[in-house]
Amino acid sequence: MAKPKQRYICSSCGGEFPKWAGKCPDCGEWNTIPQEPVVVAAKKSSTMAGNSMGGIGGLGMGSGYAISTLVPKKFDEIETRGEFSRFMTGIREFDTVLGGGIVQGSVTLIGGEPGIGKSTIILMVASILAEAGHGVLYISGEESPSQIKNRAERLNATSKNISVLATMDIEQAISHLESGTYRYAIVDSVQSVSSSNLSSAAGTVTQVKHIAYQMMEIAKRKNITLFLIGQVTKDGAVAGPKVLEHLVDTVLYFEGDHNRGLRILRAVKNRFGSTDEVGVFEMSSQGLKSADASMFVSNLDTPMPGKVITPIMEGTRSFLVEVQALVSTTYYQYPKRTTVGFDARRLDMLMAVLDKYCNINLSTYDVYLNIAGGLRVNDPGGDLAICAAILSSVKDKPISSQYSFLGEVGLSGEISSVTNVNSRLSEAEKFGVTSIVGSERLEFTKSVKHVSIKYVRNLVQLIDSL
């Protein structure tokens, strides 16, 4: 007979511990180690006959798998499938982020803040898949069928091939998938469903891990394309253990500005494509639509102190973004450094370089930095624009929108070149930029006719040029 035990699992990182602790030793989070019961089943013989699958690559999903049947294979004995079969949804930004379309039999995790558009985009995709003649099962643990239908009617996504199953019991969902009727399945959300085989509540680490394993097993065995929608924590990570990201094939994150209706879909893991691509959407009453690149810049006709534009790269795409800086006298013992859409530690580094080599003392100023449009800039090519925006705000001098800044700033104040210069200049040219301030090592072709480059070697020359 199974005997009950207790264990303590961190809800942030998934670490297991023999006793309770206020702070997780692994991830450092506080109050994330609740007590969870676990039932240890009696051991079964390794030669006992089990189901035909027996888990995913030895994960132990099947009971009593015959271990003796597992035979290692050499590379020349393994059959390859060649190119993966993909389905193009027609939603340009969504297909781009996935690497060219949905791979048949893949498992995709979509995360994001509440109301960001996860259920909206997946319902739009489900409608397209159903219209192509594929059976789609929408498993909802949060909404009733009538709520889902109301949203589908608003999105004009009411295909007859979409079946809605409103349940919080994962065993019921799996029984329907076993029939082989459905080629695509959606779980909305993975934290809202639970297994009756576990005594813990839905959304706990134990339940989330178990649900992920169960759905992965049937998806791989039945060649079902699976979409899991996951809630996120206050830090923006998928709620539950990191094992979710390790299990699935693709992890997508929704982010963006709620006030402007801008949504950005970013891939942080993709076994079938690049993780450098991003998709840009605009939320409307008819759902998510592919957005225009001009969403990242505001009114360029009115120069303001601290406002600078720069062309950055996200994957293979270039965007012209607006950098906004505000430098004001501090009234605190320690000056504030606040960033939105930019790494705060890199901002500290750039301010230290300005202090040492340009005699710009920012120790008595609060510095606020914002990337307009909700985009997060990780491209080092935007360093020069950050410095220019700070200098513009300190001197209270506006910079014309006809000028753009491009370059990486080193610790000695020198300005380095960047990659994909032609793509960046072409994007800047579309918005009327006539001059790029950047490194003297910038190389571009003559195809960009109406943009000139003003070369600067270091930040001292930048101040002189401003």
Protein backbone atom coordinates (compact mmCIF):
# COMPACT_ATOMS: atom_id res chain seq x y z
CA MET A 1 0.00 0.00 0.00
CA ALA A 2 1.27 3.45 -0.90
CA LYS A 3 2.36 5.54 2.02
CA PRO A 4 2.03 9.34 2.13
CA LYS A 5 5.12 11.50 2.38
CA GLN A 6 5.81 15.22 2.44
CA ARG A 7 8.21 17.25 0.39
CA TYR A 8 8.98 20.92 -0.14
CA ILE A 9 9.27 22.25 -3.69
CA CYS A 10 10.12 25.82 -4.72
CA SER A 11 7.36 27.24 -6.91
CA SER A 12 9.89 29.50 -8.65
CA CYS A 13 12.72 27.20 -9.69
CA GLY A 14 11.33 23.72 -8.92
CA GLY A 15 14.02 22.75 -6.42
CA GLU A 16 13.12 20.02 -3.91
CA PHE A 17 14.16 20.20 -0.25
CA PRO A 18 13.73 17.89 2.76
CA LYS A 19 12.39 20.68 5.02
CA TRP A 20 10.77 24.07 4.81
CA ALA A 21 12.79 27.26 4.40
CA GLY A 22 11.75 30.88 4.12
CA LYS A 23 14.25 31.55 1.32
CA CYS A 24 14.99 29.17 -1.52
CA PRO A 25 18.70 28.18 -1.44
CA ASP A 26 18.75 27.72 -5.23
CA CYS A 27 17.03 30.82 -6.67
CA GLY A 28 16.99 33.13 -3.64
CA GLU A 29 13.23 33.79 -3.73
CA TRP A 30 11.29 34.22 -0.49
CA ASN A 31 8.15 32.32 0.57
CA THR A 32 8.16 30.02 -2.47
CA ILE A 33 8.60 26.62 -0.74
CA PRO A 34 5.18 25.26 0.23
CA GLN A 35 4.65 21.80 1.64
CA GLU A 36 3.22 19.34 -0.87
CA PRO A 37 2.11 15.76 -0.28
CA VAL A 38 3.37 13.06 -2.58
CA VAL A 39 2.34 9.45 -2.95
CA VAL A 40 5.10 6.96 -3.62
CA ALA A 41 3.66 4.00 -5.49
CA ALA A 42 4.82 0.48 -4.89
CA LYS A 43 7.66 -0.60 -7.13
CA LYS A 44 6.82 -2.69 -10.15
CA SER A 45 8.92 -5.24 -11.88
CA SER A 46 11.02 -3.83 -14.67
CA THR A 47 9.99 -6.75 -16.91
CA MET A 48 6.27 -6.23 -16.40
CA ALA A 49 4.43 -5.63 -19.66
CA GLY A 50 3.24 -2.03 -20.02
CA ASN A 51 1.88 0.24 -22.67
CA SER A 52 3.50 0.53 -26.05
CA MET A 53 4.97 3.97 -25.41
CA GLY A 54 6.36 3.82 -21.90
CA GLY A 55 7.15 7.50 -21.73
CA ILE A 56 9.19 9.93 -23.71
CA GLY A 57 12.73 8.74 -24.08
CA GLY A 58 12.71 6.94 -20.73
CA LEU A 59 10.74 9.55 -18.75
CA GLY A 60 8.74 6.77 -17.17
CA MET A 61 5.27 7.92 -18.22
CA GLY A 62 4.00 4.43 -18.80
CA SER A 63 3.55 2.00 -15.92
CA GLY A 64 5.75 -1.07 -15.93
CA TYR A 65 7.67 -0.39 -19.14
CA ALA A 66 9.71 -3.34 -20.35
CA ILE A 67 13.20 -1.95 -19.99
CA SER A 68 14.71 -4.91 -21.78
CA THR A 69 13.20 -3.69 -25.07
CA LEU A 70 15.25 -0.48 -25.05
CA VAL A 71 18.14 -0.98 -27.44
CA PRO A 72 20.62 1.81 -28.23
CA LYS A 73 21.07 2.63 -31.89
CA LYS A 74 24.02 3.96 -33.80
CA PHE A 75 23.70 7.02 -36.01
CA ASP A 76 23.77 5.00 -39.23
CA GLU A 77 20.86 2.88 -37.91
CA ILE A 78 18.61 5.83 -37.15
CA GLU A 79 16.14 6.94 -39.81
CA THR A 80 15.88 10.71 -40.31
CA ARG A 81 12.73 12.51 -41.35
CA GLY A 82 14.49 15.19 -43.41
CA GLU A 83 12.78 18.55 -43.35
CA PHE A 84 10.08 18.99 -40.75
CA SER A 85 6.54 19.27 -42.03
CA ARG A 86 5.28 22.80 -41.35
CA PHE A 87 1.89 24.42 -41.60
CA MET A 88 1.81 28.10 -42.57
CA THR A 89 -0.99 29.84 -40.68
CA GLY A 90 -0.90 32.98 -42.80
CA ILE A 91 -0.28 35.15 -39.73
CA ARG A 92 3.03 36.53 -40.93
CA GLU A 93 4.50 37.53 -37.57
CA PHE A 94 3.48 34.27 -35.87
CA ASP A 95 4.97 32.11 -38.62
CA THR A 96 8.20 34.13 -38.59
CA VAL A 97 8.76 33.64 -34.86
CA LEU A 98 8.15 29.88 -35.16
CA GLY A 99 10.76 29.66 -37.91
CA GLY A 100 8.45 29.35 -40.90
CA GLY A 101 5.26 27.77 -39.57
CA ILE A 102 3.94 25.19 -37.10
CA VAL A 103 5.91 21.93 -37.01
CA GLN A 104 3.67 18.89 -36.91
CA GLY A 105 3.97 17.01 -33.61
CA SER A 106 5.72 19.87 -31.79
CA VAL A 107 4.90 21.16 -28.30
CA THR A 108 4.82 24.94 -27.85
CA LEU A 109 4.56 26.88 -24.60
CA ILE A 110 3.12 30.41 -24.83
CA GLY A 111 3.60 32.67 -21.81
CA GLY A 112 2.72 36.25 -21.01
CA GLU A 113 0.98 38.59 -18.61
CA PRO A 114 -2.80 38.36 -18.12
CA GLY A 115 -4.65 40.10 -20.95
CA ILE A 116 -1.58 40.32 -23.19
CA GLY A 117 -3.21 38.25 -25.96
CA LYS A 118 -2.22 34.61 -25.42
CA SER A 119 -5.73 33.19 -25.72
CA THR A 120 -6.53 35.58 -28.55
CA ILE A 121 -3.64 34.57 -30.79
CA ILE A 122 -4.08 30.85 -30.10
CA LEU A 123 -7.81 31.02 -30.91
CA MET A 124 -7.01 32.78 -34.18
CA VAL A 125 -4.47 30.08 -35.00
CA ALA A 126 -6.96 27.34 -34.03
CA SER A 127 -9.53 28.78 -36.42
CA ILE A 128 -7.05 28.78 -39.30
CA LEU A 129 -6.04 25.19 -38.55
CA ALA A 130 -9.69 24.11 -38.37
CA GLU A 131 -10.56 25.85 -41.64
CA ALA A 132 -7.80 23.80 -43.28
CA GLY A 133 -9.68 20.65 -42.28
CA HIS A 134 -7.71 19.66 -39.18
CA GLY A 135 -9.41 18.61 -35.96
CA VAL A 136 -8.63 20.98 -33.07
CA LEU A 137 -9.42 20.31 -29.40
CA TYR A 138 -9.50 23.42 -27.19
CA ILE A 139 -9.09 22.34 -23.55
CA SER A 140 -10.10 25.18 -21.24
CA GLY A 141 -9.74 25.11 -17.49
CA GLU A 142 -10.48 28.81 -17.01
CA GLU A 143 -13.41 29.69 -19.30
CA SER A 144 -16.75 28.12 -20.12
CA PRO A 145 -17.60 27.08 -23.70
CA SER A 146 -19.97 30.06 -24.05
CA GLN A 147 -17.20 32.49 -23.09
CA ILE A 148 -14.85 30.96 -25.63
CA LYS A 149 -17.51 31.09 -28.34
CA ASN A 150 -18.24 34.76 -27.60
CA ARG A 151 -14.58 35.60 -28.05
CA ALA A 152 -14.38 33.47 -31.18
CA GLU A 153 -17.35 35.32 -32.71
CA ARG A 154 -15.68 38.64 -31.99
CA LEU A 155 -12.53 37.38 -33.71
CA ASN A 156 -14.52 35.78 -36.54
CA ALA A 157 -12.94 32.44 -35.63
CA THR A 158 -15.95 30.14 -35.37
CA SER A 159 -14.86 27.14 -37.40
CA LYS A 160 -16.93 23.95 -37.06
CA ASN A 161 -13.82 21.82 -36.66
CA ILE A 162 -12.94 23.38 -33.28
CA SER A 163 -14.12 21.30 -30.33
CA VAL A 164 -14.19 22.95 -26.89
CA LEU A 165 -13.71 20.85 -23.76
CA ALA A 166 -14.20 22.83 -20.54
CA THR A 167 -12.63 20.69 -17.84
CA MET A 168 -10.03 20.87 -15.12
CA ASP A 169 -9.40 17.12 -15.18
CA ILE A 170 -6.47 16.26 -17.42
CA GLU A 171 -7.48 12.59 -17.55
CA GLN A 172 -10.71 13.52 -19.36
CA ALA A 173 -8.76 15.59 -21.88
CA ILE A 174 -6.32 12.75 -22.52
CA SER A 175 -9.14 10.27 -23.08
CA HIS A 176 -10.49 12.46 -25.90
CA LEU A 177 -7.04 12.82 -27.45
CA GLU A 178 -6.59 9.04 -27.39
CA SER A 179 -9.41 8.70 -29.93
CA GLY A 180 -7.15 10.03 -32.68
CA THR A 181 -9.78 12.50 -33.90
CA TYR A 182 -7.71 15.59 -33.19
CA ARG A 183 -4.49 16.64 -34.84
CA TYR A 184 -4.03 19.80 -32.77
CA ALA A 185 -4.67 20.41 -29.07
CA ILE A 186 -4.63 23.54 -26.92
CA VAL A 187 -4.46 23.67 -23.12
CA ASP A 188 -5.55 27.03 -21.66
CA SER A 189 -3.91 27.16 -19.21
CA VAL A 190 -1.52 24.53 -17.90
CA GLN A 191 -1.88 25.95 -14.36
CA SER A 192 -5.66 25.58 -14.35
CA VAL A 193 -5.89 21.84 -15.04
CA SER A 194 -4.97 19.09 -12.61
CA SER A 195 -4.74 15.34 -12.29
CA SER A 196 -6.99 13.36 -9.97
CA ASN A 197 -4.07 11.02 -9.31
CA LEU A 198 -2.35 13.73 -7.26
CA SER A 199 -3.67 15.21 -4.06
CA SER A 200 -2.05 18.64 -4.54
CA ALA A 201 -4.01 21.60 -5.88
CA ALA A 202 -3.98 22.79 -9.48
CA GLY A 203 -1.13 25.15 -10.29
CA THR A 204 1.33 23.67 -7.81
CA VAL A 205 4.74 22.54 -8.96
CA THR A 206 3.81 18.88 -8.68
CA GLN A 207 0.67 19.30 -10.77
CA VAL A 208 2.32 21.45 -13.43
CA LYS A 209 5.16 18.99 -13.90
CA HIS A 210 2.78 16.04 -14.05
CA ILE A 211 0.46 17.75 -16.56
CA ALA A 212 3.40 18.68 -18.77
CA TYR A 213 4.70 15.10 -18.79
CA GLN A 214 1.28 13.62 -19.51
CA MET A 215 0.53 15.98 -22.39
CA MET A 216 4.03 15.57 -23.83
CA GLU A 217 3.63 11.80 -23.79
CA ILE A 218 0.40 11.69 -25.74
CA ALA A 219 1.49 14.45 -28.12
CA LYS A 220 4.62 12.57 -29.15
CA ARG A 221 2.88 9.20 -29.26
CA LYS A 222 -0.11 10.37 -31.32
CA ASN A 223 1.83 12.97 -33.35
CA ILE A 224 -0.46 15.73 -32.03
CA THR A 225 0.67 19.33 -32.24
CA LEU A 226 0.23 20.74 -28.75
CA PHE A 227 0.01 24.34 -27.50
CA LEU A 228 0.32 25.02 -23.78
CA ILE A 229 -0.63 28.45 -22.43
CA GLY A 230 1.22 29.34 -19.25
CA GLN A 231 0.71 32.09 -16.74
CA VAL A 232 3.68 34.22 -15.70
CA THR A 233 5.01 35.44 -12.39
CA LYS A 234 5.59 39.06 -11.43
CA ASP A 235 9.13 38.73 -12.77
CA GLY A 236 7.86 37.70 -16.20
CA ALA A 237 8.85 34.03 -16.02
CA VAL A 238 6.46 31.16 -16.69
CA ALA A 239 4.84 30.22 -13.40
CA GLY A 240 5.97 26.87 -12.11
CA PRO A 241 9.30 25.10 -12.42
CA LYS A 242 11.76 25.67 -15.22
CA VAL A 243 11.21 22.06 -16.23
CA LEU A 244 8.36 23.28 -18.42
CA GLU A 245 10.79 25.13 -20.66
CA HIS A 246 13.13 22.13 -20.80
CA LEU A 247 10.35 19.77 -21.87
CA VAL A 248 8.68 21.66 -24.70
CA ASP A 249 10.08 22.24 -28.16
CA THR A 250 9.33 25.97 -28.38
CA VAL A 251 8.83 28.69 -25.77
CA LEU A 252 7.15 31.94 -26.84
CA TYR A 253 6.69 35.04 -24.70
CA PHE A 254 4.21 37.84 -25.22
CA GLU A 255 5.25 41.29 -24.04
CA GLY A 256 4.37 44.86 -24.90
CA ASP A 257 2.65 48.10 -24.03
CA HIS A 258 -0.98 47.69 -22.93
CA ASN A 259 -1.72 51.39 -23.35
CA ARG A 260 -0.66 51.51 -27.02
CA GLY A 261 -2.07 48.09 -27.89
CA LEU A 262 1.35 46.90 -29.05
CA ARG A 263 2.29 43.25 -28.58
CA ILE A 264 5.65 41.63 -29.18
CA LEU A 265 5.99 37.87 -29.58
CA ARG A 266 9.47 36.60 -28.85
CA ALA A 267 10.93 33.08 -29.02
CA VAL A 268 13.31 32.21 -26.18
CA LYS A 269 13.62 28.56 -27.21
CA ASN A 270 13.00 26.93 -30.58
CA ARG A 271 14.21 23.49 -31.60
CA PHE A 272 13.00 24.03 -35.16
CA GLY A 273 14.22 27.56 -35.85
CA SER A 274 16.03 30.63 -34.64
CA THR A 275 15.39 32.35 -31.32
CA ASP A 276 16.41 35.74 -32.72
CA GLU A 277 13.12 36.51 -34.48
CA VAL A 278 10.35 38.67 -33.03
CA GLY A 279 6.77 39.26 -34.14
CA VAL A 280 5.03 42.60 -33.76
CA PHE A 281 1.25 42.74 -33.34
CA GLU A 282 -1.33 45.41 -32.72
CA MET A 283 -4.34 44.61 -30.56
CA SER A 284 -7.65 45.64 -32.09
CA SER A 285 -11.32 44.80 -31.63
CA GLN A 286 -10.91 42.05 -34.26
CA GLY A 287 -7.93 40.49 -32.49
CA LEU A 288 -4.21 40.71 -33.10
CA LYS A 289 -2.99 42.13 -36.39
CA SER A 290 0.50 42.42 -37.80
CA ALA A 291 1.78 45.85 -36.77
CA ASP A 292 3.74 48.43 -38.70
CA ALA A 293 7.30 49.27 -37.70
CA SER A 294 6.30 52.91 -37.12
CA MET A 295 4.70 51.83 -33.83
CA PHE A 296 8.07 52.20 -32.10
CA VAL A 297 8.49 55.90 -32.82
CA SER A 298 6.25 58.82 -31.90
CA ASN A 299 5.98 62.23 -33.52
CA LEU A 300 9.33 62.84 -35.23
CA ASP A 301 8.38 66.36 -36.33
CA THR A 302 8.77 67.77 -32.82
CA PRO A 303 12.33 67.39 -31.44
CA MET A 304 12.49 67.23 -27.65
CA PRO A 305 15.46 67.14 -25.25
CA GLY A 306 16.35 63.57 -24.42
CA LYS A 307 14.60 62.04 -27.44
CA VAL A 308 16.82 60.18 -29.92
CA ILE A 309 16.10 57.55 -32.59
CA THR A 310 18.27 54.60 -33.49
CA PRO A 311 17.96 51.57 -35.84
CA ILE A 312 18.32 48.29 -33.94
CA MET A 313 18.25 44.65 -34.97
CA GLU A 314 15.91 41.97 -33.64
CA GLY A 315 16.94 38.76 -35.31
CA THR A 316 17.06 39.44 -39.04
CA ARG A 317 14.73 42.45 -38.83
CA SER A 318 15.61 46.07 -38.22
CA PHE A 319 13.43 48.53 -36.30
CA LEU A 320 13.74 52.25 -35.82
CA VAL A 321 13.11 52.83 -32.12
CA GLU A 322 12.85 55.95 -30.03
CA VAL A 323 15.06 56.32 -26.96
CA GLN A 324 13.76 58.69 -24.29
CA ALA A 325 15.97 59.92 -21.44
CA LEU A 326 15.12 62.23 -18.57
CA VAL A 327 17.87 63.61 -16.32
CA SER A 328 16.65 65.63 -13.35
CA THR A 329 18.11 66.84 -10.05
CA THR A 330 17.74 64.24 -7.34
CA TYR A 331 16.09 64.84 -3.99
CA TYR A 332 17.17 61.53 -2.53
CA GLN A 333 20.30 60.39 -0.75
CA TYR A 334 20.99 58.01 -3.60
CA PRO A 335 20.07 59.06 -7.16
CA LYS A 336 17.49 56.91 -8.91
CA ARG A 337 18.26 54.89 -12.02
CA THR A 338 15.09 53.62 -13.71
CA THR A 339 14.93 51.87 -17.07
CA VAL A 340 12.08 50.51 -19.17
CA GLY A 341 13.06 48.25 -22.05
CA PHE A 342 16.81 48.46 -21.40
CA ASP A 343 19.28 46.69 -19.11
CA ALA A 344 19.80 48.79 -15.98
CA ARG A 345 23.33 47.45 -15.47
CA ARG A 346 24.36 48.47 -18.96
CA LEU A 347 22.94 51.94 -18.32
CA ASP A 348 25.14 52.20 -15.21
CA MET A 349 28.15 51.26 -17.32
CA LEU A 350 27.39 53.88 -19.97
CA MET A 351 26.91 56.57 -17.32
CA ALA A 352 30.27 55.62 -15.77
CA VAL A 353 31.95 56.05 -19.17
CA LEU A 354 30.28 59.46 -19.63
CA ASP A 355 31.46 60.50 -16.16
CA LYS A 356 35.08 59.48 -16.66
CA TYR A 357 35.79 60.51 -20.25
CA CYS A 358 33.28 63.32 -20.86
CA ASN A 359 33.24 65.01 -17.42
CA ILE A 360 29.47 64.54 -17.20
CA ASN A 361 28.80 64.17 -13.46
CA LEU A 362 25.50 62.33 -13.01
CA SER A 363 25.91 61.57 -9.30
CA THR A 364 23.47 64.34 -8.32
CA TYR A 365 20.87 63.50 -10.98
CA ASP A 366 18.09 60.98 -11.31
CA VAL A 367 18.25 59.24 -14.68
CA TYR A 368 15.15 57.72 -16.29
CA LEU A 369 15.43 55.80 -19.56
CA ASN A 370 12.55 54.50 -21.66
CA ILE A 371 12.36 52.64 -24.97
CA ALA A 372 9.13 53.81 -26.62
CA GLY A 373 6.60 51.28 -27.85
CA GLY A 374 7.25 48.53 -25.28
CA LEU A 375 10.18 46.95 -27.14
CA ARG A 376 13.10 45.65 -25.11
CA VAL A 377 16.45 46.59 -26.63
CA ASN A 378 19.30 44.09 -26.24
CA ASP A 379 21.25 45.28 -29.28
CA PRO A 380 24.56 46.94 -28.26
CA GLY A 381 24.24 49.09 -31.37
CA GLY A 382 21.88 51.30 -29.38
CA ASP A 383 24.57 52.35 -26.86
CA LEU A 384 25.47 55.53 -28.72
CA ALA A 385 21.82 56.57 -28.87
CA ILE A 386 21.51 56.04 -25.09
CA CYS A 387 24.50 58.30 -24.46
CA ALA A 388 23.21 60.92 -26.91
CA ALA A 389 19.79 60.94 -25.24
CA ILE A 390 21.35 61.42 -21.79
CA LEU A 391 23.58 64.24 -23.04
CA SER A 392 20.62 65.88 -24.77
CA SER A 393 18.61 65.83 -21.54
CA VAL A 394 21.51 67.07 -19.38
CA LYS A 395 22.20 70.00 -21.70
CA ASP A 396 18.47 70.53 -22.34
CA LYS A 397 19.19 70.62 -26.07
CA PRO A 398 16.88 68.80 -28.54
CA ILE A 399 18.32 66.70 -31.36
CA SER A 400 16.73 66.80 -34.79
CA SER A 401 14.89 63.66 -35.88
CA GLN A 402 16.89 63.77 -39.12
CA TYR A 403 19.82 62.45 -37.10
CA SER A 404 20.12 58.88 -35.86
CA PHE A 405 22.83 57.33 -33.70
CA LEU A 406 24.37 53.90 -34.21
CA GLY A 407 27.29 52.29 -32.42
CA GLU A 408 28.49 50.24 -29.48
CA VAL A 409 30.26 52.12 -26.69
CA GLY A 410 33.27 50.51 -25.01
CA LEU A 411 34.63 51.02 -21.52
CA SER A 412 37.30 53.39 -22.78
CA GLY A 413 34.74 55.60 -24.50
CA GLU A 414 35.51 54.42 -28.03
CA ILE A 415 32.68 53.72 -30.46
CA SER A 416 32.68 50.39 -32.26
CA SER A 417 30.94 49.32 -35.44
CA VAL A 418 27.86 47.11 -35.64
CA THR A 419 26.53 44.46 -38.00
CA ASN A 420 23.78 44.64 -40.65
CA VAL A 421 24.49 48.29 -41.40
CA ASN A 422 22.67 48.28 -44.75
CA SER A 423 19.45 46.95 -43.23
CA ARG A 424 19.60 49.53 -40.43
CA LEU A 425 20.24 52.45 -42.78
CA SER A 426 17.44 51.37 -45.11
CA GLU A 427 15.00 51.33 -42.20
CA ALA A 428 16.18 54.76 -41.03
CA GLU A 429 15.82 56.14 -44.55
CA LYS A 430 12.12 55.19 -44.59
CA PHE A 431 11.47 57.62 -41.73
CA GLY A 432 13.29 60.57 -43.25
CA VAL A 433 16.64 60.17 -41.48
CA THR A 434 19.31 61.94 -43.50
CA SER A 435 22.38 61.46 -41.30
CA ILE A 436 23.70 58.64 -39.13
CA VAL A 437 26.19 59.42 -36.37
CA GLY A 438 28.34 56.36 -35.82
CA SER A 439 31.70 54.66 -35.81
CA GLU A 440 34.23 55.42 -38.49
CA ARG A 441 34.34 51.70 -39.22
CA LEU A 442 30.72 51.54 -40.37
CA GLU A 443 30.53 49.93 -43.80
CA PHE A 444 27.55 50.18 -46.12
CA THR A 445 26.80 49.90 -49.82
CA LYS A 446 25.79 52.70 -52.15
CA SER A 447 22.22 51.39 -52.26
CA VAL A 448 21.37 53.75 -49.39
CA LYS A 449 21.48 57.01 -51.34
CA HIS A 450 19.88 59.57 -49.08
CA VAL A 451 21.62 58.79 -45.78
CA SER A 452 25.07 60.10 -44.97
CA ILE A 453 27.29 59.02 -42.07
CA LYS A 454 28.94 61.43 -39.66
CA TYR A 455 31.87 59.55 -38.17
CA VAL A 456 32.82 59.86 -34.50
CA ARG A 457 35.65 57.95 -32.87
CA ASN A 458 34.70 58.32 -29.21
CA LEU A 459 32.24 60.02 -26.88
CA VAL A 460 34.32 63.19 -26.73
CA GLN A 461 33.86 63.67 -30.44
CA LEU A 462 30.18 62.91 -29.98
CA ILE A 463 29.82 65.87 -27.61
CA ASP A 464 31.67 68.10 -30.08
CA SER A 465 29.39 66.98 -32.92
CA LEU A 466 26.27 67.64 -30.83
